[in-house]
N, C-alpha and C. Protein backbone atom coordinates (compact mmCIF):
# COMPACT_ATOMS: atom_id res chain seq x y z
N MET A 1 43.74 107.95 73.65
CA MET A 1 44.48 108.92 74.42
C MET A 1 45.58 108.24 75.24
N THR A 2 45.32 107.11 75.78
CA THR A 2 46.35 106.40 76.53
C THR A 2 47.44 105.88 75.62
N ILE A 3 47.10 105.64 74.39
CA ILE A 3 48.12 105.18 73.44
C ILE A 3 49.13 106.29 73.17
N LEU A 4 48.69 107.54 73.11
CA LEU A 4 49.59 108.65 72.87
C LEU A 4 50.44 108.98 74.09
N CYS A 5 49.92 108.77 75.29
CA CYS A 5 50.67 109.09 76.51
C CYS A 5 51.75 108.05 76.80
N ALA A 6 51.54 106.82 76.40
CA ALA A 6 52.51 105.76 76.71
C ALA A 6 53.87 106.03 76.09
N PRO A 7 53.97 106.43 74.82
CA PRO A 7 55.30 106.73 74.28
C PRO A 7 55.94 107.93 74.95
N MET A 8 55.13 108.92 75.39
CA MET A 8 55.69 110.08 76.06
C MET A 8 56.25 109.71 77.43
N ILE A 9 55.56 108.88 78.14
CA ILE A 9 56.04 108.46 79.46
C ILE A 9 57.31 107.65 79.31
N SER A 10 57.35 106.78 78.34
CA SER A 10 58.56 105.97 78.16
C SER A 10 59.73 106.84 77.70
N ALA A 11 59.46 107.89 76.91
CA ALA A 11 60.53 108.79 76.48
C ALA A 11 61.07 109.58 77.67
N VAL A 12 60.18 110.05 78.54
CA VAL A 12 60.60 110.78 79.73
C VAL A 12 61.37 109.87 80.67
N LEU A 13 60.88 108.65 80.83
CA LEU A 13 61.57 107.67 81.67
C LEU A 13 62.95 107.35 81.10
N PHE A 14 63.02 107.18 79.78
CA PHE A 14 64.30 106.89 79.13
C PHE A 14 65.28 108.05 79.31
N GLU A 15 64.81 109.28 79.13
CA GLU A 15 65.67 110.45 79.32
C GLU A 15 66.15 110.55 80.76
N GLY A 16 65.30 110.23 81.70
CA GLY A 16 65.70 110.25 83.11
C GLY A 16 66.76 109.20 83.41
N ILE A 17 66.59 108.02 82.85
CA ILE A 17 67.58 106.96 83.07
C ILE A 17 68.91 107.33 82.44
N VAL A 18 68.87 107.83 81.21
CA VAL A 18 70.11 108.23 80.52
C VAL A 18 70.78 109.38 81.27
N GLY A 19 70.01 110.34 81.73
CA GLY A 19 70.57 111.45 82.51
C GLY A 19 71.20 110.97 83.80
N GLY A 20 70.54 110.03 84.47
CA GLY A 20 71.09 109.47 85.71
C GLY A 20 72.39 108.72 85.46
N VAL A 21 72.43 107.97 84.38
CA VAL A 21 73.66 107.24 84.04
C VAL A 21 74.80 108.22 83.76
N PHE A 22 74.51 109.29 83.04
CA PHE A 22 75.54 110.29 82.77
C PHE A 22 76.03 110.97 84.04
N LEU A 23 75.12 111.28 84.94
CA LEU A 23 75.52 111.92 86.20
C LEU A 23 76.40 111.00 87.03
N VAL A 24 76.00 109.76 87.16
CA VAL A 24 76.77 108.81 87.97
C VAL A 24 78.13 108.55 87.34
N SER A 25 78.15 108.33 86.02
CA SER A 25 79.44 108.07 85.37
C SER A 25 80.33 109.31 85.38
N GLY A 26 79.75 110.49 85.26
CA GLY A 26 80.54 111.72 85.36
C GLY A 26 81.14 111.89 86.73
N TYR A 27 80.37 111.59 87.76
CA TYR A 27 80.87 111.68 89.14
C TYR A 27 81.99 110.67 89.37
N TYR A 28 81.88 109.49 88.77
CA TYR A 28 82.88 108.44 88.96
C TYR A 28 84.14 108.70 88.14
N PHE A 29 83.99 109.11 86.88
CA PHE A 29 85.14 109.22 85.98
C PHE A 29 85.79 110.60 85.96
N ALA A 30 85.14 111.64 86.44
CA ALA A 30 85.70 112.99 86.36
C ALA A 30 87.06 113.11 87.04
N PRO A 31 87.25 112.61 88.27
CA PRO A 31 88.58 112.72 88.88
C PRO A 31 89.65 111.93 88.13
N LYS A 32 89.28 110.78 87.59
CA LYS A 32 90.25 109.98 86.85
C LYS A 32 90.67 110.68 85.55
N ILE A 33 89.72 111.28 84.86
CA ILE A 33 90.04 112.01 83.64
C ILE A 33 90.88 113.24 83.98
N TYR A 34 90.54 113.92 85.08
CA TYR A 34 91.32 115.08 85.51
C TYR A 34 92.76 114.69 85.79
N CYS A 35 92.97 113.54 86.44
CA CYS A 35 94.34 113.10 86.76
C CYS A 35 95.11 112.70 85.51
N HIS A 36 94.43 112.25 84.47
CA HIS A 36 95.13 111.92 83.24
C HIS A 36 95.54 113.17 82.47
N LEU A 37 94.80 114.24 82.64
CA LEU A 37 95.09 115.47 81.90
C LEU A 37 96.01 116.43 82.65
N THR A 38 96.07 116.32 83.96
CA THR A 38 96.90 117.21 84.77
C THR A 38 97.75 116.38 85.72
N GLU A 39 98.64 117.05 86.43
CA GLU A 39 99.42 116.37 87.45
C GLU A 39 98.55 116.21 88.68
N CYS A 40 98.42 115.00 89.14
CA CYS A 40 97.47 114.72 90.22
C CYS A 40 98.10 113.75 91.21
N CYS A 41 97.96 114.04 92.48
CA CYS A 41 98.47 113.15 93.53
C CYS A 41 97.36 112.78 94.50
N ALA A 42 96.17 112.54 94.00
CA ALA A 42 95.04 112.20 94.86
C ALA A 42 95.22 110.80 95.44
N GLU A 43 94.44 110.50 96.46
CA GLU A 43 94.56 109.21 97.16
C GLU A 43 94.35 108.03 96.23
N TYR A 44 93.36 108.11 95.34
CA TYR A 44 93.08 106.97 94.47
C TYR A 44 94.13 106.81 93.38
N CYS A 45 94.98 107.81 93.18
CA CYS A 45 96.05 107.70 92.19
C CYS A 45 97.35 107.16 92.79
N LYS A 46 97.45 107.14 94.12
CA LYS A 46 98.71 106.76 94.75
C LYS A 46 99.09 105.31 94.51
N ASN A 47 98.10 104.44 94.26
CA ASN A 47 98.45 103.05 94.03
C ASN A 47 99.08 102.83 92.66
N LYS A 48 99.08 103.85 91.81
CA LYS A 48 99.72 103.74 90.50
C LYS A 48 101.21 104.05 90.54
N TRP A 49 101.67 104.67 91.62
CA TRP A 49 103.07 105.03 91.74
C TRP A 49 103.89 103.80 92.07
N ILE A 50 105.13 103.82 91.69
CA ILE A 50 106.05 102.72 92.00
C ILE A 50 106.49 102.85 93.44
N LYS A 51 106.39 101.78 94.18
CA LYS A 51 106.80 101.78 95.58
C LYS A 51 108.32 101.66 95.66
N LEU A 52 108.92 102.36 96.60
CA LEU A 52 110.37 102.33 96.77
C LEU A 52 110.76 101.08 97.55
N ASN A 53 111.57 100.25 96.94
CA ASN A 53 112.11 99.06 97.58
C ASN A 53 113.57 99.37 97.90
N MET A 54 113.81 99.87 99.12
CA MET A 54 115.15 100.33 99.50
C MET A 54 116.17 99.20 99.47
N THR A 55 115.82 98.05 100.03
CA THR A 55 116.80 96.95 100.07
C THR A 55 117.10 96.44 98.67
N GLY A 56 116.08 96.36 97.83
CA GLY A 56 116.30 95.92 96.45
C GLY A 56 117.15 96.91 95.67
N LEU A 57 116.87 98.19 95.85
CA LEU A 57 117.66 99.22 95.17
C LEU A 57 119.10 99.21 95.67
N GLN A 58 119.26 99.07 96.98
CA GLN A 58 120.60 99.06 97.56
C GLN A 58 121.41 97.87 97.03
N SER A 59 120.81 96.70 96.97
CA SER A 59 121.54 95.54 96.46
C SER A 59 121.80 95.66 94.96
N ALA A 60 120.86 96.22 94.21
CA ALA A 60 121.07 96.41 92.77
C ALA A 60 122.20 97.40 92.51
N LEU A 61 122.26 98.46 93.30
CA LEU A 61 123.35 99.43 93.13
C LEU A 61 124.69 98.80 93.48
N ARG A 62 124.73 97.97 94.51
CA ARG A 62 125.99 97.31 94.87
C ARG A 62 126.45 96.35 93.77
N ARG A 63 125.50 95.64 93.17
CA ARG A 63 125.85 94.66 92.13
C ARG A 63 126.21 95.32 90.81
N ARG A 64 125.53 96.38 90.44
CA ARG A 64 125.64 96.89 89.08
C ARG A 64 126.50 98.14 88.91
N VAL A 65 126.73 98.89 89.96
CA VAL A 65 127.55 100.10 89.86
C VAL A 65 128.98 99.73 90.23
N LEU A 66 129.87 99.90 89.27
CA LEU A 66 131.26 99.47 89.46
C LEU A 66 132.16 100.67 89.74
N GLY A 67 132.94 100.60 90.79
CA GLY A 67 133.92 101.63 91.09
C GLY A 67 133.33 102.94 91.58
N GLN A 68 132.08 102.97 91.93
CA GLN A 68 131.42 104.20 92.36
C GLN A 68 130.64 103.92 93.64
N HIS A 69 131.32 103.52 94.69
CA HIS A 69 130.62 103.15 95.92
C HIS A 69 129.91 104.33 96.58
N LEU A 70 130.39 105.54 96.33
CA LEU A 70 129.75 106.72 96.93
C LEU A 70 128.40 107.04 96.28
N ILE A 71 128.25 106.62 95.03
CA ILE A 71 127.00 106.95 94.33
C ILE A 71 125.81 106.24 94.94
N ALA A 72 126.01 105.03 95.45
CA ALA A 72 124.90 104.29 96.05
C ALA A 72 124.34 105.04 97.25
N GLU A 73 125.21 105.54 98.10
CA GLU A 73 124.75 106.30 99.27
C GLU A 73 124.04 107.59 98.85
N THR A 74 124.60 108.27 97.86
CA THR A 74 124.03 109.54 97.41
C THR A 74 122.66 109.34 96.79
N VAL A 75 122.53 108.32 95.95
CA VAL A 75 121.25 108.05 95.29
C VAL A 75 120.19 107.68 96.32
N LEU A 76 120.55 106.82 97.26
CA LEU A 76 119.58 106.41 98.27
C LEU A 76 119.13 107.59 99.13
N LYS A 77 120.07 108.43 99.55
CA LYS A 77 119.71 109.60 100.36
C LYS A 77 118.81 110.56 99.58
N ALA A 78 119.15 110.76 98.31
CA ALA A 78 118.35 111.68 97.49
C ALA A 78 116.93 111.14 97.29
N LEU A 79 116.81 109.85 97.01
CA LEU A 79 115.48 109.26 96.81
C LEU A 79 114.64 109.30 98.08
N VAL A 80 115.24 108.93 99.19
CA VAL A 80 114.50 108.93 100.45
C VAL A 80 114.06 110.35 100.81
N GLY A 81 114.96 111.30 100.66
CA GLY A 81 114.62 112.69 100.96
C GLY A 81 113.51 113.22 100.06
N HIS A 82 113.56 112.86 98.79
CA HIS A 82 112.55 113.32 97.84
C HIS A 82 111.20 112.65 98.09
N LEU A 83 111.21 111.36 98.35
CA LEU A 83 109.96 110.63 98.53
C LEU A 83 109.31 110.89 99.89
N ASN A 84 110.07 111.32 100.87
CA ASN A 84 109.49 111.64 102.17
C ASN A 84 108.76 112.98 102.15
N ASN A 85 109.05 113.81 101.16
CA ASN A 85 108.36 115.09 101.00
C ASN A 85 107.03 114.84 100.29
N GLU A 86 105.93 115.16 100.95
CA GLU A 86 104.60 114.90 100.38
C GLU A 86 104.35 115.67 99.08
N SER A 87 104.79 116.92 99.02
CA SER A 87 104.59 117.71 97.80
C SER A 87 105.87 118.47 97.49
N PRO A 88 106.81 117.81 96.82
CA PRO A 88 108.07 118.49 96.50
C PRO A 88 107.85 119.61 95.47
N ASP A 89 108.64 120.66 95.61
CA ASP A 89 108.53 121.79 94.69
C ASP A 89 109.10 121.48 93.31
N LYS A 90 110.11 120.62 93.28
CA LYS A 90 110.79 120.31 92.03
C LYS A 90 110.86 118.80 91.84
N ALA A 91 111.04 118.39 90.61
CA ALA A 91 111.25 116.98 90.31
C ALA A 91 112.67 116.59 90.69
N LEU A 92 112.86 115.34 91.01
CA LEU A 92 114.19 114.84 91.33
C LEU A 92 114.87 114.43 90.03
N ALA A 93 116.00 115.03 89.73
CA ALA A 93 116.75 114.71 88.53
C ALA A 93 118.14 114.24 88.94
N LEU A 94 118.52 113.07 88.48
CA LEU A 94 119.83 112.51 88.79
C LEU A 94 120.61 112.39 87.49
N SER A 95 121.85 112.83 87.50
CA SER A 95 122.69 112.76 86.31
C SER A 95 123.94 111.96 86.65
N PHE A 96 124.19 110.92 85.90
CA PHE A 96 125.36 110.07 86.11
C PHE A 96 126.30 110.24 84.92
N ASN A 97 127.51 110.67 85.20
CA ASN A 97 128.49 110.90 84.15
C ASN A 97 129.61 109.89 84.28
N GLY A 98 130.18 109.54 83.17
CA GLY A 98 131.28 108.58 83.18
C GLY A 98 131.05 107.51 82.13
N TRP A 99 131.87 106.49 82.19
CA TRP A 99 131.78 105.40 81.23
C TRP A 99 130.53 104.59 81.47
N THR A 100 129.94 104.11 80.39
CA THR A 100 128.76 103.27 80.52
C THR A 100 129.19 101.83 80.69
N GLY A 101 128.28 101.04 81.18
CA GLY A 101 128.55 99.62 81.34
C GLY A 101 128.12 99.14 82.70
N SER A 102 127.87 97.88 82.78
CA SER A 102 127.47 97.29 84.05
C SER A 102 127.84 95.82 84.06
N ARG A 103 127.83 95.29 85.22
CA ARG A 103 128.10 93.87 85.39
C ARG A 103 126.76 93.16 85.33
N SER A 104 126.58 92.23 84.44
CA SER A 104 125.30 91.53 84.30
C SER A 104 125.23 90.31 85.17
């Protein structure tokens, strides 16, 4: 009789362990999967965003944008205004028209 109960106890124990692992992994991975499938701005996702380097952007615009000194100010103001808004209603879209080319 004890021989028949031992496999049942181990099966119940195994099912409990597997169920516990699924619950813990579901609790851990559910927000990450949700953020991959939808637009998500949760705290743990914020470290994936690119940080704004204002001085680097400003110097890159000065070096690479030729004959368009006003564009540097406009781009910087637009980026700062957009990034300071915690939940903007619209995406920031910038359109640059004119001849292509840059100073390398």
